[in-house]
Amino acid sequence: MTLRVLAHDDPEVEPLKEKIKRHIQQAEMLGMPYWTFAVGPDPVGVVSVGTEPVMLFAPVGTQLSLIRVIDYGKPTEVLEEFASGAMALTKENEAEYSYMSLPAAQEEVEEIFKREGFQVLADTYRMTCDLASYEPSGGLRLERVEREELERFIDLAIECMGESPDVILTMILKNLRGLPENLLDLWYSLEEFFVVYDGEAPVGILDLNVKEGVVSNVGVLPAHRGRGHGREIMLHGLRRLVEVGLEKASLRVHVDNKVAIGLYKSLGFSAEDRIKHLILWV
């Protein structure tokens, strides 16, 4: 099988656009060039190259590559050729790191990319639930965070999540401190942020994307754990999603966070997908 490599502006990409469109949305939104690897009319994967836009893993402006496997069913030799080709593009474009995610069940593909130098950064479930009726006990009070209070919220979130097994989450939260003001403005426009109080004492945080129905972050300060606050905060969050007219909620949780997974299951969540997140520092 001959693996073709087509730049984003190559006319031969046009017949493949329908098959690759969801895999290139981020690249097109950020103005990143991308290359499609294909066998005949079938795309195998996409590699996009650009700069770190929001300081998730590295400072803004850091050169990076994003790798997406499209067809996991291709023969091993084709997937190996895609992996080596993806790394060649990464190095040619002087990317400092490369990131990819894939279903945890794709163990053979994971091993192929590990041989190229990738390491597993995180292993997470995406959990979802059908929203119902939620009645918090009223023991906790939530206060919406104003824009000028966002840095304090970030500090509380770091304290709440500091012991999380989710390396990606802790990296992102710490890096948020260094975001430019315009990117903090953008983040604030997309989410609803709350500090949670027991009386006058802050005990936790809640971060929701009410447009997408995502519980982005929920956490309890270490000194206030073991009192049922996590469940109460979740009830407040789910009720808020119901208030805005949503019927389904989702969240992301590390597979080793057994306490959180048990809480989410007790509220009706179930695991939809298990995703491995891989990174390579060049």
Protein backbone atom coordinates (compact mmCIF):
# COMPACT_ATOMS: atom_id res chain seq x y z
CA MET A 1 0.00 0.00 0.00
CA THR A 2 1.27 3.46 -0.91
CA LEU A 3 0.70 6.12 1.75
CA ARG A 4 0.14 9.55 0.23
CA VAL A 5 0.92 12.71 2.20
CA LEU A 6 -1.21 15.67 1.13
CA ALA A 7 -0.76 19.24 2.36
CA HIS A 8 -3.90 21.15 3.38
CA ASP A 9 -3.81 23.23 0.18
CA ASP A 10 -3.27 20.27 -2.14
CA PRO A 11 -6.25 19.91 -4.55
CA GLU A 12 -6.19 16.16 -3.92
CA VAL A 13 -7.37 16.80 -0.35
CA GLU A 14 -10.76 18.05 -1.53
CA PRO A 15 -12.28 14.56 -2.16
CA LEU A 16 -11.21 13.59 1.39
CA LYS A 17 -12.66 16.66 3.15
CA GLU A 18 -15.93 15.01 4.18
CA LYS A 19 -14.07 12.14 5.85
CA ILE A 20 -11.54 14.31 7.66
CA LYS A 21 -13.64 17.37 8.52
CA ARG A 22 -14.11 16.65 12.23
CA HIS A 23 -10.40 15.88 12.58
CA ILE A 24 -9.27 19.19 11.07
CA GLN A 25 -11.75 21.54 12.75
CA GLN A 26 -9.27 22.65 15.41
CA ALA A 27 -6.48 23.16 12.87
CA GLU A 28 -8.72 25.24 10.61
CA MET A 29 -10.05 27.28 13.52
CA LEU A 30 -6.48 28.10 14.66
CA GLY A 31 -5.13 28.61 11.14
CA MET A 32 -2.74 25.67 11.45
CA PRO A 33 -1.44 23.94 8.30
CA TYR A 34 -2.16 20.22 8.21
CA TRP A 35 -1.20 17.15 6.25
CA THR A 36 -3.50 14.23 5.45
CA PHE A 37 -2.04 10.73 5.15
CA ALA A 38 -4.16 8.53 2.89
CA VAL A 39 -4.22 5.18 1.13
CA GLY A 40 -6.13 5.68 -2.09
CA PRO A 41 -9.43 7.37 -1.17
CA ASP A 42 -9.14 6.45 2.53
CA PRO A 43 -7.59 8.89 5.03
CA VAL A 44 -5.42 7.20 7.66
CA GLY A 45 -4.57 10.20 9.83
CA VAL A 46 -3.93 13.92 10.01
CA VAL A 47 -1.00 15.91 11.40
CA SER A 48 -1.32 19.63 12.08
CA VAL A 49 1.50 21.94 13.11
CA GLY A 50 1.31 25.33 14.77
CA THR A 51 1.93 27.18 18.01
CA GLU A 52 0.56 26.65 21.51
CA PRO A 53 -2.52 28.92 21.57
CA VAL A 54 -3.49 29.00 25.25
CA MET A 55 -0.60 27.64 27.35
CA LEU A 56 -2.09 24.22 28.04
CA PHE A 57 1.20 22.28 28.16
CA ALA A 58 3.78 24.93 27.30
CA PRO A 59 4.08 28.72 26.98
CA VAL A 60 1.96 30.46 24.34
CA GLY A 61 3.84 30.41 21.03
CA THR A 62 5.59 27.07 21.62
CA GLN A 63 5.74 25.10 18.36
CA LEU A 64 3.67 21.90 18.53
CA SER A 65 2.15 19.16 16.42
CA LEU A 66 -1.21 17.46 16.86
CA ILE A 67 -1.68 13.94 15.56
CA ARG A 68 -5.05 12.33 14.87
CA VAL A 69 -5.55 8.74 13.75
CA ILE A 70 -8.65 8.45 11.57
CA ASP A 71 -8.69 4.79 10.51
CA TYR A 72 -7.53 2.39 13.23
CA GLY A 73 -8.42 -0.57 11.03
CA LYS A 74 -5.57 -0.15 8.59
CA PRO A 75 -2.79 -2.80 8.54
CA THR A 76 -0.01 -2.44 11.09
CA GLU A 77 2.59 -1.49 8.48
CA VAL A 78 0.39 1.40 7.28
CA LEU A 79 -0.13 2.70 10.81
CA GLU A 80 3.61 2.39 11.48
CA GLU A 81 4.34 4.38 8.31
CA PHE A 82 1.85 7.03 9.42
CA ALA A 83 3.49 7.25 12.84
CA SER A 84 6.99 7.67 11.40
CA GLY A 85 5.70 10.19 8.84
CA ALA A 86 3.96 12.16 11.57
CA MET A 87 7.20 12.34 13.54
CA ALA A 88 9.12 13.42 10.45
CA LEU A 89 6.71 16.34 9.98
CA THR A 90 6.96 17.17 13.67
CA LYS A 91 10.75 17.43 13.46
CA GLU A 92 10.79 19.22 10.09
CA ASN A 93 8.56 21.92 11.57
CA GLU A 94 10.71 22.15 14.72
CA ALA A 95 7.83 21.32 17.06
CA GLU A 96 8.85 21.13 20.71
CA TYR A 97 6.16 18.64 21.58
CA SER A 98 3.55 16.45 19.93
CA TYR A 99 0.18 15.47 21.40
CA MET A 100 -2.44 12.88 20.49
CA SER A 101 -5.36 11.06 22.05
CA LEU A 102 -6.85 7.70 21.15
CA PRO A 103 -9.37 5.18 22.48
CA ALA A 104 -7.83 3.06 25.22
CA ALA A 105 -8.89 -0.09 23.36
CA GLN A 106 -6.45 0.77 20.53
CA GLU A 107 -3.52 -0.83 22.33
CA GLU A 108 -1.64 -1.77 19.14
CA VAL A 109 -1.71 1.83 17.87
CA GLU A 110 -0.65 3.07 21.31
CA GLU A 111 2.38 0.75 21.18
CA ILE A 112 3.28 1.96 17.68
CA PHE A 113 3.45 5.57 18.89
CA LYS A 114 5.25 4.59 22.09
CA ARG A 115 7.99 3.13 19.89
CA GLU A 116 8.27 6.61 18.36
CA GLY A 117 8.87 8.03 21.83
CA PHE A 118 5.38 8.93 23.05
CA GLN A 119 4.41 8.47 26.70
CA VAL A 120 0.97 8.19 28.28
CA LEU A 121 0.20 11.48 29.97
CA ALA A 122 -3.29 10.62 31.23
CA ASP A 123 -5.94 7.92 31.04
CA THR A 124 -9.47 9.27 31.36
CA TYR A 125 -13.14 8.41 31.12
CA ARG A 126 -15.71 10.64 29.49
CA MET A 127 -18.82 10.13 31.58
CA THR A 128 -22.34 11.26 30.72
CA CYS A 129 -25.75 11.28 32.33
CA ASP A 130 -29.32 12.16 31.44
CA LEU A 131 -30.30 15.13 33.56
CA ALA A 132 -33.16 14.79 36.03
CA SER A 133 -34.35 16.86 38.99
CA TYR A 134 -31.76 17.86 41.60
CA GLU A 135 -32.30 19.31 45.06
CA PRO A 136 -29.18 20.31 47.02
CA SER A 137 -29.62 20.32 50.79
CA GLY A 138 -29.03 24.05 51.05
CA GLY A 139 -26.04 23.67 53.34
CA LEU A 140 -23.64 25.27 50.89
CA ARG A 141 -23.73 28.64 49.16
CA LEU A 142 -22.41 29.29 45.65
CA GLU A 143 -21.17 32.71 44.55
CA ARG A 144 -20.61 33.47 40.87
CA VAL A 145 -17.03 34.57 40.20
CA GLU A 146 -16.59 38.01 38.63
CA ARG A 147 -13.94 38.50 35.96
CA GLU A 148 -11.61 40.38 38.31
CA GLU A 149 -11.82 37.44 40.75
CA LEU A 150 -10.77 34.81 38.20
CA GLU A 151 -7.16 34.55 39.36
CA ARG A 152 -8.35 33.86 42.92
CA PHE A 153 -10.63 31.14 41.50
CA ILE A 154 -7.62 29.62 39.71
CA ASP A 155 -5.64 29.56 42.96
CA LEU A 156 -8.53 27.82 44.76
CA ALA A 157 -8.87 25.33 41.89
CA ILE A 158 -5.17 24.47 42.08
CA GLU A 159 -5.51 23.89 45.82
CA CYS A 160 -8.60 21.72 45.28
CA MET A 161 -7.07 19.66 42.45
CA GLY A 162 -3.45 19.57 43.56
CA GLU A 163 -3.57 15.88 44.51
CA SER A 164 -5.47 14.74 41.40
CA PRO A 165 -3.97 11.80 39.47
CA ASP A 166 -4.90 13.70 36.29
CA VAL A 167 -1.57 15.21 35.23
CA ILE A 168 -3.18 17.11 32.36
CA LEU A 169 -5.62 18.83 34.69
CA THR A 170 -2.95 19.92 37.15
CA MET A 171 -0.66 21.14 34.35
CA ILE A 172 -3.43 23.18 32.75
CA LEU A 173 -4.53 24.73 36.03
CA LYS A 174 -0.99 25.80 36.91
CA ASN A 175 -0.42 27.19 33.43
CA LEU A 176 -3.63 29.23 33.61
CA ARG A 177 -1.82 31.61 35.99
CA GLY A 178 0.36 32.72 33.09
CA LEU A 179 -2.35 33.22 30.48
CA PRO A 180 -2.52 36.63 28.79
CA GLU A 181 -5.50 38.74 29.84
CA ASN A 182 -7.24 38.36 26.48
CA LEU A 183 -7.20 34.57 26.80
CA LEU A 184 -8.49 34.76 30.37
CA ASP A 185 -11.27 36.98 28.99
CA LEU A 186 -12.09 34.32 26.41
CA TRP A 187 -12.11 31.53 29.01
CA TYR A 188 -14.35 33.59 31.28
CA SER A 189 -16.79 34.18 28.40
CA LEU A 190 -17.15 30.45 27.77
CA GLU A 191 -17.67 29.14 31.32
CA GLU A 192 -19.52 29.88 34.55
CA PHE A 193 -17.30 29.88 37.64
CA PHE A 194 -18.40 29.56 41.25
CA VAL A 195 -16.70 29.61 44.64
CA VAL A 196 -18.54 27.41 47.13
CA TYR A 197 -18.97 28.50 50.76
CA ASP A 198 -19.95 26.78 53.98
CA GLY A 199 -21.01 29.81 55.96
CA GLU A 200 -18.27 32.35 55.31
CA ALA A 201 -15.53 29.80 54.64
CA PRO A 202 -14.69 28.83 51.05
CA VAL A 203 -14.79 25.05 50.74
CA GLY A 204 -14.62 24.35 47.02
CA ILE A 205 -15.07 25.42 43.41
CA LEU A 206 -17.34 24.68 40.46
CA ASP A 207 -16.74 25.40 36.79
CA LEU A 208 -19.45 24.73 34.18
CA ASN A 209 -19.80 25.08 30.44
CA VAL A 210 -23.54 25.63 30.30
CA LYS A 211 -23.60 25.76 26.49
CA GLU A 212 -22.10 22.28 26.13
CA GLY A 213 -23.46 20.75 29.34
CA VAL A 214 -19.97 20.03 30.66
CA VAL A 215 -18.96 19.94 34.31
CA SER A 216 -15.46 21.25 33.61
CA ASN A 217 -14.07 21.32 37.16
CA VAL A 218 -15.44 20.49 40.58
CA GLY A 219 -13.31 20.34 43.70
CA VAL A 220 -13.24 20.53 47.49
CA LEU A 221 -10.43 22.07 49.51
CA PRO A 222 -8.42 19.38 51.39
CA ALA A 223 -9.40 20.64 54.85
CA HIS A 224 -13.11 20.29 54.03
CA ARG A 225 -13.23 16.83 52.47
CA GLY A 226 -15.18 13.88 53.85
CA ARG A 227 -18.26 15.95 54.65
CA GLY A 228 -20.31 15.34 51.51
CA HIS A 229 -19.44 18.70 49.97
CA GLY A 230 -18.42 17.18 46.64
CA ARG A 231 -21.86 15.65 46.16
CA GLU A 232 -23.57 18.91 47.16
CA ILE A 233 -21.48 20.90 44.70
CA MET A 234 -22.32 18.44 41.93
CA LEU A 235 -26.04 18.72 42.74
CA HIS A 236 -25.81 22.50 42.42
CA GLY A 237 -23.98 22.15 39.11
CA LEU A 238 -26.42 19.65 37.63
CA ARG A 239 -29.38 21.76 38.73
CA ARG A 240 -27.82 24.74 36.96
CA LEU A 241 -27.55 22.73 33.73
CA VAL A 242 -31.23 21.78 34.05
CA GLU A 243 -32.13 25.46 34.61
CA VAL A 244 -30.62 26.44 31.25
CA GLY A 245 -32.65 23.76 29.47
CA LEU A 246 -30.10 21.00 28.96
CA GLU A 247 -31.03 17.31 28.97
CA LYS A 248 -27.58 15.71 29.18
CA ALA A 249 -24.37 16.40 31.11
CA SER A 250 -20.82 15.17 30.62
CA LEU A 251 -17.50 15.34 32.41
CA ARG A 252 -13.96 13.99 32.23
CA VAL A 253 -12.30 12.05 35.05
CA HIS A 254 -9.02 10.15 35.44
CA VAL A 255 -9.51 6.39 35.63
CA ASP A 256 -7.55 6.26 38.91
CA ASN A 257 -9.79 8.80 40.64
CA LYS A 258 -11.96 6.11 42.22
CA VAL A 259 -13.63 8.41 44.77
CA ALA A 260 -14.79 10.86 42.10
CA ILE A 261 -15.94 8.07 39.78
CA GLY A 262 -18.02 6.55 42.61
CA LEU A 263 -19.62 9.94 43.26
CA TYR A 264 -20.44 10.50 39.61
CA LYS A 265 -21.93 7.02 39.25
CA SER A 266 -24.15 7.64 42.29
CA LEU A 267 -25.51 10.70 40.48
CA GLY A 268 -26.37 8.73 37.34
CA PHE A 269 -23.20 9.12 35.27
CA SER A 270 -21.76 6.24 33.28
CA ALA A 271 -18.55 5.90 31.28
CA GLU A 272 -19.07 6.48 27.57
CA ASP A 273 -15.45 6.42 26.41
CA ARG A 274 -12.00 5.70 27.79
CA ILE A 275 -9.30 7.85 26.23
CA LYS A 276 -5.51 7.70 26.44
CA HIS A 277 -3.64 11.02 26.10
CA LEU A 278 -0.11 10.69 24.73
CA ILE A 279 2.67 13.27 24.51
CA LEU A 280 6.18 13.39 23.14
CA TRP A 281 8.65 16.15 24.03
CA VAL A 282 10.97 16.53 21.06
